Amino acid sequence: MSVNIDTRVVGPGDNRYVEEAWQLKERIRQREGVLKQRRGFFTDAYRRSTVYCYVTEDDDGERLVGFAAVRRDGYILFLAVAPEFRGEGFGQRLVAKVADNHASVTCHARTTNENALDFYRHLGFAVERRIDNYYEDSGDAFYLRLGEEESIAKRLSDFMRN
């Protein structure tokens, strides 16, 4: 059985998928102990961002597969892919969309979130600095930047087109 996945881009000020994004983020938080933002912070940041989404449709309607909420400077505020869709390239394609639309791509990741750090390193992100007590719960973060090398940007763009 194949699943059709569609791409959506939600502009700043648009609430479309904000509830679905919150629910996906919360499901991941409960399962993995990451993405611990408060609802007010999350929804405010989402509404101020451009949000790249992957959605599928089932008997219950549209379902959010993954999303990346991005500031206008290319900073990824939130990146999440539903656990049942991981390993299929959706996270890479979301980052590729960001890279295609921004000169610089950056983000923060918890120093203890090995899955996220491995994912970002695989894509060519490098740690620029460590920030102690970055998160509200006093967790530490790494500030990451996508490498400037043409091969990395080309690789992500090529991946997105496939």
C-alpha atoms as a PDB file:
ATOM      1  CA  MET A   1       0.000   0.000   0.000  1.00  0.00           C
ATOM      2  CA  SER A   2       1.461   3.354  -0.965  1.00  0.00           C
ATOM      3  CA  VAL A   3       0.900   6.594   0.901  1.00  0.00           C
ATOM      4  CA  ASN A   4       0.594   9.922  -0.897  1.00  0.00           C
ATOM      5  CA  ILE A   5       2.493  12.721   0.803  1.00  0.00           C
ATOM      6  CA  ASP A   6       1.839  16.343  -0.127  1.00  0.00           C
ATOM      7  CA  THR A   7       3.932  19.422   0.580  1.00  0.00           C
ATOM      8  CA  ARG A   8       2.416  22.538   2.107  1.00  0.00           C
ATOM      9  CA  VAL A   9       4.003  25.883   2.959  1.00  0.00           C
ATOM     10  CA  VAL A  10       2.312  27.899   5.693  1.00  0.00           C
ATOM     11  CA  GLY A  11       3.256  31.570   5.742  1.00  0.00           C
ATOM     12  CA  PRO A  12       3.759  33.758   8.813  1.00  0.00           C
ATOM     13  CA  GLY A  13       0.491  34.636  10.490  1.00  0.00           C
ATOM     14  CA  ASP A  14      -1.276  31.514   9.210  1.00  0.00           C
ATOM     15  CA  ASN A  15      -2.534  29.105  11.880  1.00  0.00           C
ATOM     16  CA  ARG A  16      -3.008  26.196   9.515  1.00  0.00           C
ATOM     17  CA  TYR A  17      -1.599  22.993  11.050  1.00  0.00           C
ATOM     18  CA  VAL A  18      -0.587  24.706  14.319  1.00  0.00           C
ATOM     19  CA  GLU A  19      -2.715  22.306  16.377  1.00  0.00           C
ATOM     20  CA  GLU A  20      -1.475  19.283  14.424  1.00  0.00           C
ATOM     21  CA  ALA A  21       2.127  20.480  14.809  1.00  0.00           C
ATOM     22  CA  TRP A  22       1.627  20.933  18.565  1.00  0.00           C
ATOM     23  CA  GLN A  23       0.155  17.427  18.876  1.00  0.00           C
ATOM     24  CA  LEU A  24       3.042  15.895  16.892  1.00  0.00           C
ATOM     25  CA  LYS A  25       5.594  17.786  18.982  1.00  0.00           C
ATOM     26  CA  GLU A  26       3.901  16.644  22.196  1.00  0.00           C
ATOM     27  CA  ARG A  27       3.813  13.018  21.030  1.00  0.00           C
ATOM     28  CA  ILE A  28       7.561  13.188  20.399  1.00  0.00           C
ATOM     29  CA  ARG A  29       8.173  14.927  23.752  1.00  0.00           C
ATOM     30  CA  GLN A  30       6.293  12.228  25.641  1.00  0.00           C
ATOM     31  CA  ARG A  31       8.074   9.444  23.778  1.00  0.00           C
ATOM     32  CA  GLU A  32      11.619  10.856  23.638  1.00  0.00           C
ATOM     33  CA  GLY A  33      11.834  13.603  26.272  1.00  0.00           C
ATOM     34  CA  VAL A  34      12.791  16.327  23.769  1.00  0.00           C
ATOM     35  CA  LEU A  35      10.916  19.322  22.274  1.00  0.00           C
ATOM     36  CA  LYS A  36       9.866  20.555  25.709  1.00  0.00           C
ATOM     37  CA  GLN A  37       8.526  23.976  24.752  1.00  0.00           C
ATOM     38  CA  ARG A  38       5.489  25.504  26.445  1.00  0.00           C
ATOM     39  CA  ARG A  39       2.352  25.760  24.308  1.00  0.00           C
ATOM     40  CA  GLY A  40       2.277  29.581  24.264  1.00  0.00           C
ATOM     41  CA  PHE A  41       5.921  29.791  23.163  1.00  0.00           C
ATOM     42  CA  PHE A  42       5.397  27.123  20.522  1.00  0.00           C
ATOM     43  CA  THR A  43       2.248  28.606  18.988  1.00  0.00           C
ATOM     44  CA  ASP A  44       3.666  32.137  18.974  1.00  0.00           C
ATOM     45  CA  ALA A  45       6.887  31.000  17.285  1.00  0.00           C
ATOM     46  CA  TYR A  46       4.921  28.858  14.799  1.00  0.00           C
ATOM     47  CA  ARG A  47       2.707  31.785  13.821  1.00  0.00           C
ATOM     48  CA  ARG A  48       5.726  34.035  13.196  1.00  0.00           C
ATOM     49  CA  SER A  49       7.463  31.431  11.022  1.00  0.00           C
ATOM     50  CA  THR A  50       7.300  30.005   7.570  1.00  0.00           C
ATOM     51  CA  VAL A  51       6.370  26.380   8.131  1.00  0.00           C
ATOM     52  CA  TYR A  52       7.218  23.668   5.612  1.00  0.00           C
ATOM     53  CA  CYS A  53       4.889  20.701   6.068  1.00  0.00           C
ATOM     54  CA  TYR A  54       4.437  17.183   4.764  1.00  0.00           C
ATOM     55  CA  VAL A  55       0.878  15.909   5.050  1.00  0.00           C
ATOM     56  CA  THR A  56      -0.961  12.759   4.090  1.00  0.00           C
ATOM     57  CA  GLU A  57      -4.641  12.035   3.963  1.00  0.00           C
ATOM     58  CA  ASP A  58      -6.375   9.098   5.561  1.00  0.00           C
ATOM     59  CA  ASP A  59      -9.937   8.241   6.578  1.00  0.00           C
ATOM     60  CA  ASP A  60      -9.783  10.864   9.351  1.00  0.00           C
ATOM     61  CA  GLY A  61      -8.638  13.677   7.026  1.00  0.00           C
ATOM     62  CA  GLU A  62      -5.235  15.327   6.659  1.00  0.00           C
ATOM     63  CA  ARG A  63      -2.446  14.144   8.924  1.00  0.00           C
ATOM     64  CA  LEU A  64       0.829  15.966   9.540  1.00  0.00           C
ATOM     65  CA  VAL A  65       3.828  13.760   8.743  1.00  0.00           C
ATOM     66  CA  GLY A  66       6.502  16.343   9.562  1.00  0.00           C
ATOM     67  CA  PHE A  67       7.216  20.045   9.674  1.00  0.00           C
ATOM     68  CA  ALA A  68       9.967  22.635   9.955  1.00  0.00           C
ATOM     69  CA  ALA A  69       9.130  26.066  11.377  1.00  0.00           C
ATOM     70  CA  VAL A  70      11.723  28.565  10.154  1.00  0.00           C
ATOM     71  CA  ARG A  71      12.450  32.218  10.871  1.00  0.00           C
ATOM     72  CA  ARG A  72      13.105  34.532   7.952  1.00  0.00           C
ATOM     73  CA  ASP A  73      16.878  34.343   8.609  1.00  0.00           C
ATOM     74  CA  GLY A  74      16.955  30.556   8.045  1.00  0.00           C
ATOM     75  CA  TYR A  75      16.966  29.586  11.724  1.00  0.00           C
ATOM     76  CA  ILE A  76      15.021  26.355  12.264  1.00  0.00           C
ATOM     77  CA  LEU A  77      12.870  26.833  15.354  1.00  0.00           C
ATOM     78  CA  PHE A  78      11.241  23.401  15.237  1.00  0.00           C
ATOM     79  CA  LEU A  79      11.831  20.317  13.145  1.00  0.00           C
ATOM     80  CA  ALA A  80       9.745  17.218  13.748  1.00  0.00           C
ATOM     81  CA  VAL A  81       8.890  14.064  11.830  1.00  0.00           C
ATOM     82  CA  ALA A  82       6.333  11.557  13.085  1.00  0.00           C
ATOM     83  CA  PRO A  83       8.171   8.492  14.425  1.00  0.00           C
ATOM     84  CA  GLU A  84       6.367   6.144  12.022  1.00  0.00           C
ATOM     85  CA  PHE A  85       7.681   8.171   9.047  1.00  0.00           C
ATOM     86  CA  ARG A  86      11.312   8.499  10.165  1.00  0.00           C
ATOM     87  CA  GLY A  87      14.054   7.017   8.043  1.00  0.00           C
ATOM     88  CA  GLU A  88      12.217   7.894   4.828  1.00  0.00           C
ATOM     89  CA  GLY A  89      14.029  11.173   4.151  1.00  0.00           C
ATOM     90  CA  PHE A  90      11.355  13.633   5.275  1.00  0.00           C
ATOM     91  CA  GLY A  91      13.652  15.387   7.746  1.00  0.00           C
ATOM     92  CA  GLN A  92      16.363  15.743   5.111  1.00  0.00           C
ATOM     93  CA  ARG A  93      13.881  17.103   2.592  1.00  0.00           C
ATOM     94  CA  LEU A  94      12.568  19.631   5.114  1.00  0.00           C
ATOM     95  CA  VAL A  95      16.105  20.891   5.756  1.00  0.00           C
ATOM     96  CA  ALA A  96      16.716  20.947   1.985  1.00  0.00           C
ATOM     97  CA  LYS A  97      13.665  23.182   1.524  1.00  0.00           C
ATOM     98  CA  VAL A  98      15.039  25.546   4.150  1.00  0.00           C
ATOM     99  CA  ALA A  99      18.483  25.516   2.493  1.00  0.00           C
ATOM    100  CA  ASP A 100      16.930  26.246  -0.908  1.00  0.00           C
ATOM    101  CA  ASN A 101      15.199  29.333   0.487  1.00  0.00           C
ATOM    102  CA  HIS A 102      17.856  30.778   2.814  1.00  0.00           C
ATOM    103  CA  ALA A 103      21.497  31.750   2.464  1.00  0.00           C
ATOM    104  CA  SER A 104      22.249  30.393   5.946  1.00  0.00           C
ATOM    105  CA  VAL A 105      20.614  27.563   7.919  1.00  0.00           C
ATOM    106  CA  THR A 106      21.065  27.357  11.690  1.00  0.00           C
ATOM    107  CA  CYS A 107      19.397  25.760  14.713  1.00  0.00           C
ATOM    108  CA  HIS A 108      19.902  24.701  18.314  1.00  0.00           C
ATOM    109  CA  ALA A 109      19.879  21.108  19.568  1.00  0.00           C
ATOM    110  CA  ARG A 110      20.106  19.755  23.088  1.00  0.00           C
ATOM    111  CA  THR A 111      23.557  18.483  23.893  1.00  0.00           C
ATOM    112  CA  THR A 112      21.903  15.265  25.107  1.00  0.00           C
ATOM    113  CA  ASN A 113      19.778  14.693  21.983  1.00  0.00           C
ATOM    114  CA  GLU A 114      22.080  12.298  20.155  1.00  0.00           C
ATOM    115  CA  ASN A 115      19.478  11.445  17.492  1.00  0.00           C
ATOM    116  CA  ALA A 116      19.111  15.096  16.496  1.00  0.00           C
ATOM    117  CA  LEU A 117      22.850  15.740  16.644  1.00  0.00           C
ATOM    118  CA  ASP A 118      23.593  12.683  14.474  1.00  0.00           C
ATOM    119  CA  PHE A 119      20.910  13.779  12.000  1.00  0.00           C
ATOM    120  CA  TYR A 120      22.262  17.330  11.715  1.00  0.00           C
ATOM    121  CA  ARG A 121      25.898  16.174  11.467  1.00  0.00           C
ATOM    122  CA  HIS A 122      24.919  13.753   8.694  1.00  0.00           C
ATOM    123  CA  LEU A 123      23.512  16.705   6.735  1.00  0.00           C
ATOM    124  CA  GLY A 124      26.676  18.746   7.167  1.00  0.00           C
ATOM    125  CA  PHE A 125      25.822  20.919  10.167  1.00  0.00           C
ATOM    126  CA  ALA A 126      28.723  21.849  12.430  1.00  0.00           C
ATOM    127  CA  VAL A 127      28.658  22.874  16.071  1.00  0.00           C
ATOM    128  CA  GLU A 128      29.557  26.549  16.347  1.00  0.00           C
ATOM    129  CA  ARG A 129      29.278  26.809  20.115  1.00  0.00           C
ATOM    130  CA  ARG A 130      27.828  25.306  23.263  1.00  0.00           C
ATOM    131  CA  ILE A 131      25.335  27.341  25.309  1.00  0.00           C
ATOM    132  CA  ASP A 132      24.900  26.297  28.930  1.00  0.00           C
ATOM    133  CA  ASN A 133      21.424  26.622  30.480  1.00  0.00           C
ATOM    134  CA  TYR A 134      19.903  27.481  27.099  1.00  0.00           C
ATOM    135  CA  TYR A 135      16.573  25.766  27.656  1.00  0.00           C
ATOM    136  CA  GLU A 136      13.922  26.716  30.177  1.00  0.00           C
ATOM    137  CA  ASP A 137      14.641  23.519  32.133  1.00  0.00           C
ATOM    138  CA  SER A 138      18.355  24.524  32.304  1.00  0.00           C
ATOM    139  CA  GLY A 139      19.320  22.082  29.555  1.00  0.00           C
ATOM    140  CA  ASP A 140      22.398  22.876  27.483  1.00  0.00           C
ATOM    141  CA  ALA A 141      22.375  23.350  23.712  1.00  0.00           C
ATOM    142  CA  PHE A 142      24.680  23.382  20.752  1.00  0.00           C
ATOM    143  CA  TYR A 143      24.255  26.127  18.164  1.00  0.00           C
ATOM    144  CA  LEU A 144      24.586  24.449  14.757  1.00  0.00           C
ATOM    145  CA  ARG A 145      25.172  25.884  11.285  1.00  0.00           C
ATOM    146  CA  LEU A 146      24.873  24.130   7.948  1.00  0.00           C
ATOM    147  CA  GLY A 147      28.254  24.028   6.253  1.00  0.00           C
ATOM    148  CA  GLU A 148      28.995  26.606   3.618  1.00  0.00           C
ATOM    149  CA  GLU A 149      30.475  24.103   1.179  1.00  0.00           C
ATOM    150  CA  GLU A 150      28.836  24.035  -2.237  1.00  0.00           C
ATOM    151  CA  SER A 151      28.759  20.243  -2.166  1.00  0.00           C
ATOM    152  CA  ILE A 152      26.535  20.219   0.926  1.00  0.00           C
ATOM    153  CA  ALA A 153      24.049  22.724  -0.483  1.00  0.00           C
ATOM    154  CA  LYS A 154      24.072  20.878  -3.810  1.00  0.00           C
ATOM    155  CA  ARG A 155      23.598  17.519  -2.097  1.00  0.00           C
ATOM    156  CA  LEU A 156      20.583  18.812  -0.159  1.00  0.00           C
ATOM    157  CA  SER A 157      19.094  20.448  -3.249  1.00  0.00           C
ATOM    158  CA  ASP A 158      19.620  17.298  -5.302  1.00  0.00           C
ATOM    159  CA  PHE A 159      18.069  15.198  -2.545  1.00  0.00           C
ATOM    160  CA  MET A 160      15.011  17.458  -2.430  1.00  0.00           C
ATOM    161  CA  ARG A 161      14.439  17.171  -6.165  1.00  0.00           C
ATOM    162  CA  ASN A 162      14.460  13.356  -6.052  1.00  0.00           C
END
